[in-house]
PDB file of N, CA and C in Angstrom:
ATOM      1  N   MET A   1      10.669 -30.450 -30.783  1.00  0.00           N
ATOM      2  CA  MET A   1      11.641 -30.763 -29.687  1.00  0.00           C
ATOM      3  C   MET A   1      11.023 -31.099 -28.473  1.00  0.00           C
ATOM      4  N   LYS A   2       9.700 -31.198 -28.187  1.00  0.00           N
ATOM      5  CA  LYS A   2       8.871 -31.609 -27.054  1.00  0.00           C
ATOM      6  C   LYS A   2       9.214 -32.892 -27.339  1.00  0.00           C
ATOM      7  N   ALA A   3       8.771 -33.874 -28.546  1.00  0.00           N
ATOM      8  CA  ALA A   3       8.898 -35.178 -28.832  1.00  0.00           C
ATOM      9  C   ALA A   3      10.398 -35.770 -28.506  1.00  0.00           C
ATOM     10  N   TYR A   4      11.714 -35.103 -28.928  1.00  0.00           N
ATOM     11  CA  TYR A   4      12.662 -35.443 -28.336  1.00  0.00           C
ATOM     12  C   TYR A   4      12.917 -35.344 -27.052  1.00  0.00           C
ATOM     13  N   ALA A   5      12.208 -34.386 -26.468  1.00  0.00           N
ATOM     14  CA  ALA A   5      12.736 -34.606 -24.803  1.00  0.00           C
ATOM     15  C   ALA A   5      11.934 -35.719 -24.547  1.00  0.00           C
ATOM     16  N   THR A   6      10.908 -35.922 -24.558  1.00  0.00           N
ATOM     17  CA  THR A   6       9.716 -36.791 -24.063  1.00  0.00           C
ATOM     18  C   THR A   6      10.664 -38.664 -24.527  1.00  0.00           C
ATOM     19  N   GLN A   7      10.871 -38.759 -25.754  1.00  0.00           N
ATOM     20  CA  GLN A   7      12.013 -39.601 -26.088  1.00  0.00           C
ATOM     21  C   GLN A   7      12.817 -39.904 -24.755  1.00  0.00           C
ATOM     22  N   TYR A   8      13.727 -38.811 -24.381  1.00  0.00           N
ATOM     23  CA  TYR A   8      14.920 -38.861 -23.754  1.00  0.00           C
ATOM     24  C   TYR A   8      14.369 -39.469 -22.462  1.00  0.00           C
ATOM     25  N   LEU A   9      13.458 -39.000 -21.924  1.00  0.00           N
ATOM     26  CA  LEU A   9      12.740 -39.099 -20.911  1.00  0.00           C
ATOM     27  C   LEU A   9      12.622 -40.649 -20.642  1.00  0.00           C
ATOM     28  N   LEU A  10      11.578 -41.140 -21.692  1.00  0.00           N
ATOM     29  CA  LEU A  10      11.364 -42.502 -21.654  1.00  0.00           C
ATOM     30  C   LEU A  10      12.538 -43.271 -21.472  1.00  0.00           C
ATOM     31  N   GLU A  11      13.701 -42.974 -22.389  1.00  0.00           N
ATOM     32  CA  GLU A  11      14.646 -43.841 -22.298  1.00  0.00           C
ATOM     33  C   GLU A  11      15.224 -43.879 -20.916  1.00  0.00           C
ATOM     34  N   ASP A  12      15.452 -42.608 -20.508  1.00  0.00           N
ATOM     35  CA  ASP A  12      16.129 -42.662 -19.190  1.00  0.00           C
ATOM     36  C   ASP A  12      15.196 -43.664 -18.029  1.00  0.00           C
ATOM     37  N   GLU A  13      14.026 -43.842 -18.284  1.00  0.00           N
ATOM     38  CA  GLU A  13      13.033 -44.566 -17.201  1.00  0.00           C
ATOM     39  C   GLU A  13      13.139 -45.959 -17.807  1.00  0.00           C
ATOM     40  N   GLY A  14      14.157 -46.484 -18.789  1.00  0.00           N
ATOM     41  CA  GLY A  14      13.795 -47.798 -19.056  1.00  0.00           C
ATOM     42  C   GLY A  14      12.799 -48.084 -20.269  1.00  0.00           C
ATOM     43  N   VAL A  15      11.810 -47.120 -20.521  1.00  0.00           N
ATOM     44  CA  VAL A  15      10.407 -47.692 -21.322  1.00  0.00           C
ATOM     45  C   VAL A  15      10.608 -48.051 -22.722  1.00  0.00           C
ATOM     46  N   GLN A  16      10.620 -49.092 -23.207  1.00  0.00           N
ATOM     47  CA  GLN A  16      10.612 -49.775 -24.503  1.00  0.00           C
ATOM     48  C   GLN A  16       9.688 -48.912 -25.604  1.00  0.00           C
ATOM     49  N   PHE A  17       9.814 -48.256 -26.677  1.00  0.00           N
ATOM     50  CA  PHE A  17       9.342 -47.732 -27.437  1.00  0.00           C
ATOM     51  C   PHE A  17       9.710 -47.841 -28.713  1.00  0.00           C
ATOM     52  N   TRP A  18       8.735 -47.339 -29.653  1.00  0.00           N
ATOM     53  CA  TRP A  18       9.149 -47.171 -31.287  1.00  0.00           C
ATOM     54  C   TRP A  18       9.536 -45.790 -31.163  1.00  0.00           C
ATOM     55  N   GLY A  19      10.873 -44.953 -31.148  1.00  0.00           N
ATOM     56  CA  GLY A  19      10.902 -43.597 -30.961  1.00  0.00           C
ATOM     57  C   GLY A  19      11.333 -43.362 -32.947  1.00  0.00           C
ATOM     58  N   ASN A  20      11.406 -41.774 -33.108  1.00  0.00           N
ATOM     59  CA  ASN A  20      12.024 -41.546 -34.290  1.00  0.00           C
ATOM     60  C   ASN A  20      12.741 -42.441 -35.178  1.00  0.00           C
ATOM     61  N   SER A  21      13.691 -42.648 -34.389  1.00  0.00           N
ATOM     62  CA  SER A  21      14.659 -43.773 -35.506  1.00  0.00           C
ATOM     63  C   SER A  21      13.892 -45.187 -35.575  1.00  0.00           C
ATOM     64  N   ILE A  22      12.972 -45.303 -35.478  1.00  0.00           N
ATOM     65  CA  ILE A  22      12.536 -46.941 -35.665  1.00  0.00           C
ATOM     66  C   ILE A  22      11.037 -46.659 -36.568  1.00  0.00           C
ATOM     67  N   TRP A  23      10.262 -45.621 -35.996  1.00  0.00           N
ATOM     68  CA  TRP A  23       9.124 -45.413 -36.343  1.00  0.00           C
ATOM     69  C   TRP A  23       8.967 -44.721 -37.706  1.00  0.00           C
ATOM     70  N   PRO A  24       8.753 -45.266 -38.856  1.00  0.00           N
ATOM     71  CA  PRO A  24       8.481 -44.507 -40.174  1.00  0.00           C
ATOM     72  C   PRO A  24       7.927 -43.167 -40.215  1.00  0.00           C
ATOM     73  N   GLY A  25       8.346 -42.512 -40.966  1.00  0.00           N
ATOM     74  CA  GLY A  25       7.808 -40.625 -41.266  1.00  0.00           C
ATOM     75  C   GLY A  25       6.773 -41.007 -41.517  1.00  0.00           C
ATOM     76  N   ASN A  26       6.079 -39.941 -41.473  1.00  0.00           N
ATOM     77  CA  ASN A  26       4.480 -39.553 -42.310  1.00  0.00           C
ATOM     78  C   ASN A  26       5.071 -39.970 -43.723  1.00  0.00           C
ATOM     79  N   SER A  27       3.902 -40.828 -44.343  1.00  0.00           N
ATOM     80  CA  SER A  27       4.131 -41.491 -45.556  1.00  0.00           C
ATOM     81  C   SER A  27       2.714 -41.416 -46.220  1.00  0.00           C
ATOM     82  N   HIS A  28       2.176 -41.183 -46.963  1.00  0.00           N
ATOM     83  CA  HIS A  28       1.097 -41.552 -47.579  1.00  0.00           C
ATOM     84  C   HIS A  28       1.235 -42.868 -48.214  1.00  0.00           C
ATOM     85  N   ASP A  29       2.457 -43.499 -48.387  1.00  0.00           N
ATOM     86  CA  ASP A  29       2.426 -44.787 -48.710  1.00  0.00           C
ATOM     87  C   ASP A  29       1.997 -45.959 -47.518  1.00  0.00           C
ATOM     88  N   MET A  30       2.539 -45.540 -46.948  1.00  0.00           N
ATOM     89  CA  MET A  30       2.193 -46.314 -45.282  1.00  0.00           C
ATOM     90  C   MET A  30       0.910 -46.073 -44.652  1.00  0.00           C
ATOM     91  N   ASN A  31       0.102 -44.937 -44.962  1.00  0.00           N
ATOM     92  CA  ASN A  31      -0.891 -44.691 -44.109  1.00  0.00           C
ATOM     93  C   ASN A  31      -2.017 -44.044 -44.949  1.00  0.00           C
ATOM     94  N   PRO A  32      -2.960 -44.951 -45.451  1.00  0.00           N
ATOM     95  CA  PRO A  32      -4.061 -44.545 -46.481  1.00  0.00           C
ATOM     96  C   PRO A  32      -5.144 -43.433 -45.691  1.00  0.00           C
ATOM     97  N   ALA A  33      -5.038 -43.275 -44.402  1.00  0.00           N
ATOM     98  CA  ALA A  33      -5.783 -42.202 -43.962  1.00  0.00           C
ATOM     99  C   ALA A  33      -5.360 -40.373 -44.290  1.00  0.00           C
ATOM    100  N   GLU A  34      -3.860 -40.955 -44.330  1.00  0.00           N
ATOM    101  CA  GLU A  34      -3.559 -39.349 -44.983  1.00  0.00           C
ATOM    102  C   GLU A  34      -3.880 -39.094 -46.027  1.00  0.00           C
ATOM    103  N   ASN A  35      -3.592 -39.858 -46.652  1.00  0.00           N
ATOM    104  CA  ASN A  35      -4.262 -39.945 -48.188  1.00  0.00           C
ATOM    105  C   ASN A  35      -5.967 -39.416 -48.234  1.00  0.00           C
ATOM    106  N   VAL A  36      -6.748 -39.746 -47.802  1.00  0.00           N
ATOM    107  CA  VAL A  36      -8.044 -39.554 -47.475  1.00  0.00           C
ATOM    108  C   VAL A  36      -8.049 -38.463 -46.929  1.00  0.00           C
ATOM    109  N   GLY A  37      -7.502 -37.748 -45.865  1.00  0.00           N
ATOM    110  CA  GLY A  37      -7.270 -36.600 -45.431  1.00  0.00           C
ATOM    111  C   GLY A  37      -6.995 -35.258 -46.389  1.00  0.00           C
ATOM    112  N   ALA A  38      -5.989 -35.805 -47.206  1.00  0.00           N
ATOM    113  CA  ALA A  38      -5.669 -34.801 -48.215  1.00  0.00           C
ATOM    114  C   ALA A  38      -6.425 -34.788 -49.440  1.00  0.00           C
ATOM    115  N   ILE A  39      -7.254 -35.726 -49.475  1.00  0.00           N
ATOM    116  CA  ILE A  39      -8.093 -35.778 -50.872  1.00  0.00           C
ATOM    117  C   ILE A  39      -9.121 -34.885 -50.232  1.00  0.00           C
ATOM    118  N   ILE A  40      -9.287 -34.993 -49.044  1.00  0.00           N
ATOM    119  CA  ILE A  40     -10.912 -34.231 -48.321  1.00  0.00           C
ATOM    120  C   ILE A  40     -10.272 -32.605 -48.321  1.00  0.00           C
ATOM    121  N   LYS A  41      -9.008 -32.740 -47.801  1.00  0.00           N
ATOM    122  CA  LYS A  41      -8.823 -30.874 -47.943  1.00  0.00           C
ATOM    123  C   LYS A  41      -8.438 -30.572 -48.976  1.00  0.00           C
ATOM    124  N   ASP A  42      -8.381 -31.252 -50.111  1.00  0.00           N
ATOM    125  CA  ASP A  42      -7.796 -30.438 -51.783  1.00  0.00           C
ATOM    126  C   ASP A  42      -9.496 -30.146 -52.113  1.00  0.00           C
ATOM    127  N   ASN A  43     -10.012 -31.136 -51.886  1.00  0.00           N
ATOM    128  CA  ASN A  43     -11.861 -30.929 -52.171  1.00  0.00           C
ATOM    129  C   ASN A  43     -12.210 -29.671 -51.657  1.00  0.00           C
ATOM    130  N   VAL A  44     -11.982 -29.704 -50.251  1.00  0.00           N
ATOM    131  CA  VAL A  44     -12.611 -28.285 -49.738  1.00  0.00           C
ATOM    132  C   VAL A  44     -12.016 -27.208 -50.413  1.00  0.00           C
ATOM    133  N   GLU A  45     -10.669 -27.174 -50.348  1.00  0.00           N
ATOM    134  CA  GLU A  45     -10.024 -26.064 -50.859  1.00  0.00           C
ATOM    135  C   GLU A  45     -10.592 -25.493 -52.481  1.00  0.00           C
ATOM    136  N   ASP A  46     -10.793 -26.421 -52.860  1.00  0.00           N
ATOM    137  CA  ASP A  46     -11.447 -25.970 -54.312  1.00  0.00           C
ATOM    138  C   ASP A  46     -12.323 -25.402 -54.311  1.00  0.00           C
ATOM    139  N   LEU A  47     -13.717 -26.311 -53.505  1.00  0.00           N
ATOM    140  CA  LEU A  47     -14.674 -25.602 -53.751  1.00  0.00           C
ATOM    141  C   LEU A  47     -15.041 -24.229 -52.827  1.00  0.00           C
ATOM    142  N   MET A  48     -14.249 -24.120 -51.804  1.00  0.00           N
ATOM    143  CA  MET A  48     -13.857 -22.397 -51.125  1.00  0.00           C
ATOM    144  C   MET A  48     -13.460 -21.962 -52.013  1.00  0.00           C
ATOM    145  N   ALA A  49     -12.786 -21.948 -53.150  1.00  0.00           N
ATOM    146  CA  ALA A  49     -12.009 -21.098 -53.804  1.00  0.00           C
ATOM    147  C   ALA A  49     -12.779 -20.877 -54.758  1.00  0.00           C
ATOM    148  N   ASN A  50     -14.211 -21.685 -55.244  1.00  0.00           N
ATOM    149  CA  ASN A  50     -14.917 -21.269 -56.288  1.00  0.00           C
ATOM    150  C   ASN A  50     -16.229 -20.573 -55.612  1.00  0.00           C
ATOM    151  N   GLU A  51     -16.001 -20.097 -54.195  1.00  0.00           N
ATOM    152  CA  GLU A  51     -17.319 -19.476 -53.907  1.00  0.00           C
ATOM    153  C   GLU A  51     -17.457 -18.129 -54.059  1.00  0.00           C
ATOM    154  N   ASP A  52     -18.506 -17.494 -54.324  1.00  0.00           N
ATOM    155  CA  ASP A  52     -18.436 -16.447 -54.423  1.00  0.00           C
ATOM    156  C   ASP A  52     -19.245 -15.452 -53.123  1.00  0.00           C
ATOM    157  N   GLY A  53     -18.810 -13.804 -53.085  1.00  0.00           N
ATOM    158  CA  GLY A  53     -19.640 -13.067 -52.174  1.00  0.00           C
ATOM    159  C   GLY A  53     -18.758 -13.151 -50.932  1.00  0.00           C
ATOM    160  N   GLN A  54     -19.428 -12.441 -49.772  1.00  0.00           N
ATOM    161  CA  GLN A  54     -18.764 -11.949 -48.432  1.00  0.00           C
ATOM    162  C   GLN A  54     -18.549 -13.114 -47.415  1.00  0.00           C
ATOM    163  N   ASN A  55     -19.422 -14.065 -48.062  1.00  0.00           N
ATOM    164  CA  ASN A  55     -19.603 -15.018 -47.195  1.00  0.00           C
ATOM    165  C   ASN A  55     -18.938 -16.210 -47.388  1.00  0.00           C
ATOM    166  N   ARG A  56     -18.105 -16.163 -48.403  1.00  0.00           N
ATOM    167  CA  ARG A  56     -17.233 -17.417 -48.998  1.00  0.00           C
ATOM    168  C   ARG A  56     -16.454 -18.038 -47.984  1.00  0.00           C
ATOM    169  N   TYR A  57     -15.781 -17.278 -46.891  1.00  0.00           N
ATOM    170  CA  TYR A  57     -14.732 -17.900 -45.905  1.00  0.00           C
ATOM    171  C   TYR A  57     -15.591 -18.100 -44.293  1.00  0.00           C
ATOM    172  N   SER A  58     -16.851 -18.063 -44.456  1.00  0.00           N
ATOM    173  CA  SER A  58     -18.091 -18.297 -43.057  1.00  0.00           C
ATOM    174  C   SER A  58     -17.716 -19.476 -42.807  1.00  0.00           C
ATOM    175  N   TYR A  59     -17.860 -19.596 -41.691  1.00  0.00           N
ATOM    176  CA  TYR A  59     -17.989 -21.184 -40.793  1.00  0.00           C
ATOM    177  C   TYR A  59     -19.265 -21.899 -41.596  1.00  0.00           C
ATOM    178  N   ASP A  60     -20.439 -21.548 -41.712  1.00  0.00           N
ATOM    179  CA  ASP A  60     -21.496 -21.841 -42.564  1.00  0.00           C
ATOM    180  C   ASP A  60     -21.035 -22.616 -44.004  1.00  0.00           C
ATOM    181  N   VAL A  61     -20.230 -22.038 -44.348  1.00  0.00           N
ATOM    182  CA  VAL A  61     -19.932 -22.212 -46.241  1.00  0.00           C
ATOM    183  C   VAL A  61     -18.731 -23.037 -46.211  1.00  0.00           C
ATOM    184  N   LEU A  62     -18.320 -22.855 -45.321  1.00  0.00           N
ATOM    185  CA  LEU A  62     -17.012 -24.421 -44.907  1.00  0.00           C
ATOM    186  C   LEU A  62     -17.517 -25.666 -44.536  1.00  0.00           C
ATOM    187  N   LYS A  63     -18.718 -25.633 -43.557  1.00  0.00           N
ATOM    188  CA  LYS A  63     -19.062 -26.748 -42.959  1.00  0.00           C
ATOM    189  C   LYS A  63     -20.150 -27.561 -44.262  1.00  0.00           C
ATOM    190  N   THR A  64     -20.588 -26.433 -45.179  1.00  0.00           N
ATOM    191  CA  THR A  64     -21.428 -27.202 -46.024  1.00  0.00           C
ATOM    192  C   THR A  64     -20.294 -28.074 -47.153  1.00  0.00           C
ATOM    193  N   ASN A  65     -19.177 -27.034 -47.195  1.00  0.00           N
ATOM    194  CA  ASN A  65     -18.113 -27.770 -47.827  1.00  0.00           C
ATOM    195  C   ASN A  65     -17.934 -28.837 -48.187  1.00  0.00           C
ATOM    196  N   ILE A  66     -17.445 -28.934 -46.565  1.00  0.00           N
ATOM    197  CA  ILE A  66     -17.031 -30.548 -46.089  1.00  0.00           C
ATOM    198  C   ILE A  66     -17.739 -31.488 -45.664  1.00  0.00           C
ATOM    199  N   GLU A  67     -19.024 -30.951 -46.038  1.00  0.00           N
ATOM    200  CA  GLU A  67     -20.250 -32.066 -45.674  1.00  0.00           C
ATOM    201  C   GLU A  67     -20.446 -32.610 -47.624  1.00  0.00           C
ATOM    202  N   LYS A  68     -20.543 -31.825 -48.317  1.00  0.00           N
ATOM    203  CA  LYS A  68     -20.793 -31.894 -49.605  1.00  0.00           C
ATOM    204  C   LYS A  68     -19.305 -33.028 -50.097  1.00  0.00           C
ATOM    205  N   THR A  69     -17.942 -32.739 -49.342  1.00  0.00           N
ATOM    206  CA  THR A  69     -16.988 -33.265 -50.087  1.00  0.00           C
ATOM    207  C   THR A  69     -17.293 -34.862 -49.379  1.00  0.00           C
ATOM    208  N   LEU A  70     -17.541 -34.652 -47.980  1.00  0.00           N
ATOM    209  CA  LEU A  70     -17.942 -36.502 -47.527  1.00  0.00           C
ATOM    210  C   LEU A  70     -18.840 -37.078 -48.007  1.00  0.00           C
ATOM    211  N   ARG A  71     -19.713 -36.587 -48.613  1.00  0.00           N
ATOM    212  CA  ARG A  71     -20.745 -37.240 -49.070  1.00  0.00           C
ATOM    213  C   ARG A  71     -20.494 -37.935 -50.750  1.00  0.00           C
ATOM    214  N   ASP A  72     -19.397 -37.232 -51.026  1.00  0.00           N
ATOM    215  CA  ASP A  72     -19.239 -37.315 -52.603  1.00  0.00           C
ATOM    216  C   ASP A  72     -18.019 -38.666 -52.538  1.00  0.00           C
ATOM    217  N   ILE A  73     -17.193 -38.574 -51.490  1.00  0.00           N
ATOM    218  CA  ILE A  73     -16.429 -39.705 -51.102  1.00  0.00           C
ATOM    219  C   ILE A  73     -16.796 -41.075 -50.690  1.00  0.00           C
ATOM    220  N   GLU A  74     -18.001 -40.788 -49.995  1.00  0.00           N
ATOM    221  CA  GLU A  74     -18.676 -41.532 -48.885  1.00  0.00           C
ATOM    222  C   GLU A  74     -18.824 -43.096 -49.577  1.00  0.00           C
ATOM    223  N   ASP A  75     -19.480 -43.284 -50.883  1.00  0.00           N
ATOM    224  CA  ASP A  75     -19.401 -44.324 -51.444  1.00  0.00           C
ATOM    225  C   ASP A  75     -18.570 -44.727 -52.368  1.00  0.00           C
ATOM    226  N   ASP A  76     -17.105 -43.725 -52.456  1.00  0.00           N
ATOM    227  CA  ASP A  76     -16.345 -43.993 -53.561  1.00  0.00           C
ATOM    228  C   ASP A  76     -15.645 -45.070 -53.333  1.00  0.00           C
ATOM    229  N   THR A  77     -16.236 -46.534 -53.256  1.00  0.00           N
ATOM    230  CA  THR A  77     -15.333 -47.896 -52.944  1.00  0.00           C
ATOM    231  C   THR A  77     -14.109 -47.845 -53.588  1.00  0.00           C
ATOM    232  N   ALA A  78     -13.682 -47.302 -55.149  1.00  0.00           N
ATOM    233  CA  ALA A  78     -12.859 -47.801 -55.960  1.00  0.00           C
ATOM    234  C   ALA A  78     -11.547 -46.854 -55.461  1.00  0.00           C
ATOM    235  N   LEU A  79     -12.143 -45.429 -54.865  1.00  0.00           N
ATOM    236  CA  LEU A  79     -11.110 -44.715 -53.810  1.00  0.00           C
ATOM    237  C   LEU A  79     -10.499 -45.635 -52.751  1.00  0.00           C
ATOM    238  N   PHE A  80     -11.252 -46.036 -51.935  1.00  0.00           N
ATOM    239  CA  PHE A  80     -10.918 -46.790 -50.644  1.00  0.00           C
ATOM    240  C   PHE A  80     -10.103 -48.307 -51.336  1.00  0.00           C
ATOM    241  N   ILE A  81     -10.554 -49.119 -52.249  1.00  0.00           N
ATOM    242  CA  ILE A  81      -9.776 -50.186 -52.437  1.00  0.00           C
ATOM    243  C   ILE A  81      -8.488 -49.975 -53.121  1.00  0.00           C
ATOM    244  N   ASP A  82      -8.231 -48.629 -53.804  1.00  0.00           N
ATOM    245  CA  ASP A  82      -7.244 -48.266 -54.741  1.00  0.00           C
ATOM    246  C   ASP A  82      -6.222 -47.816 -53.327  1.00  0.00           C
ATOM    247  N   LEU A  83      -6.709 -46.998 -52.379  1.00  0.00           N
ATOM    248  CA  LEU A  83      -5.457 -46.672 -51.030  1.00  0.00           C
ATOM    249  C   LEU A  83      -5.542 -48.263 -50.437  1.00  0.00           C
ATOM    250  N   LEU A  84      -6.380 -48.779 -50.272  1.00  0.00           N
ATOM    251  CA  LEU A  84      -5.785 -50.052 -49.821  1.00  0.00           C
ATOM    252  C   LEU A  84      -4.831 -51.085 -50.372  1.00  0.00           C
ATOM    253  N   CYS A  85      -5.110 -51.225 -51.181  1.00  0.00           N
ATOM    254  CA  CYS A  85      -4.223 -51.953 -52.447  1.00  0.00           C
ATOM    255  C   CYS A  85      -2.847 -51.212 -52.392  1.00  0.00           C
ATOM    256  N   SER A  86      -2.618 -49.972 -52.311  1.00  0.00           N
ATOM    257  CA  SER A  86      -1.174 -49.272 -52.282  1.00  0.00           C
ATOM    258  C   SER A  86      -0.515 -49.379 -51.205  1.00  0.00           C
ATOM    259  N   MET A  87      -1.260 -50.124 -50.372  1.00  0.00           N
ATOM    260  CA  MET A  87      -0.298 -50.062 -48.840  1.00  0.00           C
ATOM    261  C   MET A  87       0.771 -51.125 -48.837  1.00  0.00           C
ATOM    262  N   ARG A  88       0.384 -52.001 -49.505  1.00  0.00           N
ATOM    263  CA  ARG A  88       1.436 -53.533 -49.925  1.00  0.00           C
ATOM    264  C   ARG A  88       2.541 -52.929 -50.833  1.00  0.00           C
ATOM    265  N   LYS A  89       2.660 -51.987 -51.576  1.00  0.00           N
ATOM    266  CA  LYS A  89       3.533 -51.554 -52.429  1.00  0.00           C
ATOM    267  C   LYS A  89       4.446 -50.671 -51.173  1.00  0.00           C
ATOM    268  N   GLY A  90       3.874 -50.071 -50.430  1.00  0.00           N
ATOM    269  CA  GLY A  90       4.686 -49.303 -49.624  1.00  0.00           C
ATOM    270  C   GLY A  90       5.617 -50.023 -48.387  1.00  0.00           C
ATOM    271  N   PHE A  91       4.709 -51.120 -48.363  1.00  0.00           N
ATOM    272  CA  PHE A  91       5.195 -52.009 -47.236  1.00  0.00           C
ATOM    273  C   PHE A  91       6.586 -52.678 -47.982  1.00  0.00           C
ATOM    274  N   ASP A  92       6.294 -52.962 -48.940  1.00  0.00           N
ATOM    275  CA  ASP A  92       7.509 -53.509 -49.947  1.00  0.00           C
ATOM    276  C   ASP A  92       8.644 -52.813 -50.077  1.00  0.00           C
ATOM    277  N   ALA A  93       8.274 -51.407 -50.260  1.00  0.00           N
ATOM    278  CA  ALA A  93       9.187 -50.493 -50.438  1.00  0.00           C
ATOM    279  C   ALA A  93      10.033 -50.238 -49.152  1.00  0.00           C
ATOM    280  N   LEU A  94       9.322 -50.063 -47.932  1.00  0.00           N
ATOM    281  CA  LEU A  94       9.618 -50.005 -46.530  1.00  0.00           C
ATOM    282  C   LEU A  94      10.544 -50.787 -46.308  1.00  0.00           C
ATOM    283  N   GLU A  95      10.246 -52.417 -46.583  1.00  0.00           N
ATOM    284  CA  GLU A  95      11.198 -53.451 -46.155  1.00  0.00           C
ATOM    285  C   GLU A  95      12.575 -53.441 -46.890  1.00  0.00           C
ATOM    286  N   ALA A  96      12.347 -52.533 -48.197  1.00  0.00           N
ATOM    287  CA  ALA A  96      13.480 -53.055 -49.418  1.00  0.00           C
ATOM    288  C   ALA A  96      14.565 -51.976 -48.904  1.00  0.00           C
ATOM    289  N   ALA A  97      13.602 -50.687 -48.316  1.00  0.00           N
ATOM    290  CA  ALA A  97      15.045 -49.837 -47.640  1.00  0.00           C
ATOM    291  C   ALA A  97      15.481 -50.165 -45.732  1.00  0.00           C
ATOM    292  N   GLY A  98      14.944 -51.478 -45.407  1.00  0.00           N
ATOM    293  CA  GLY A  98      15.547 -51.863 -44.294  1.00  0.00           C
ATOM    294  C   GLY A  98      14.565 -51.578 -43.394  1.00  0.00           C
ATOM    295  N   GLY A  99      13.708 -51.112 -43.431  1.00  0.00           N
ATOM    296  CA  GLY A  99      12.846 -50.701 -42.493  1.00  0.00           C
ATOM    297  C   GLY A  99      11.585 -51.294 -41.746  1.00  0.00           C
TER     298      GLY A  99
END
């Protein structure tokens, strides 16, 4: 609700901006960084689910699993190429939808 209040305030002050009616919604097709974030999240969750012992949800275990996941995808150029190439499809779909 705060976002709408901010938009109304900006409109009242004559500030031109891209509001919710113009800006595309959160879409993995339009933002490859969201895909990377989801991949990292899923990988870390999988690693955490496979941890044993009392410390499975400790800060140190979480940090270790995040670092492992980042190392694993750091040099995965195919992943990043696929994500960047997928942007064209997303842009075409957005344009076809009148966005």
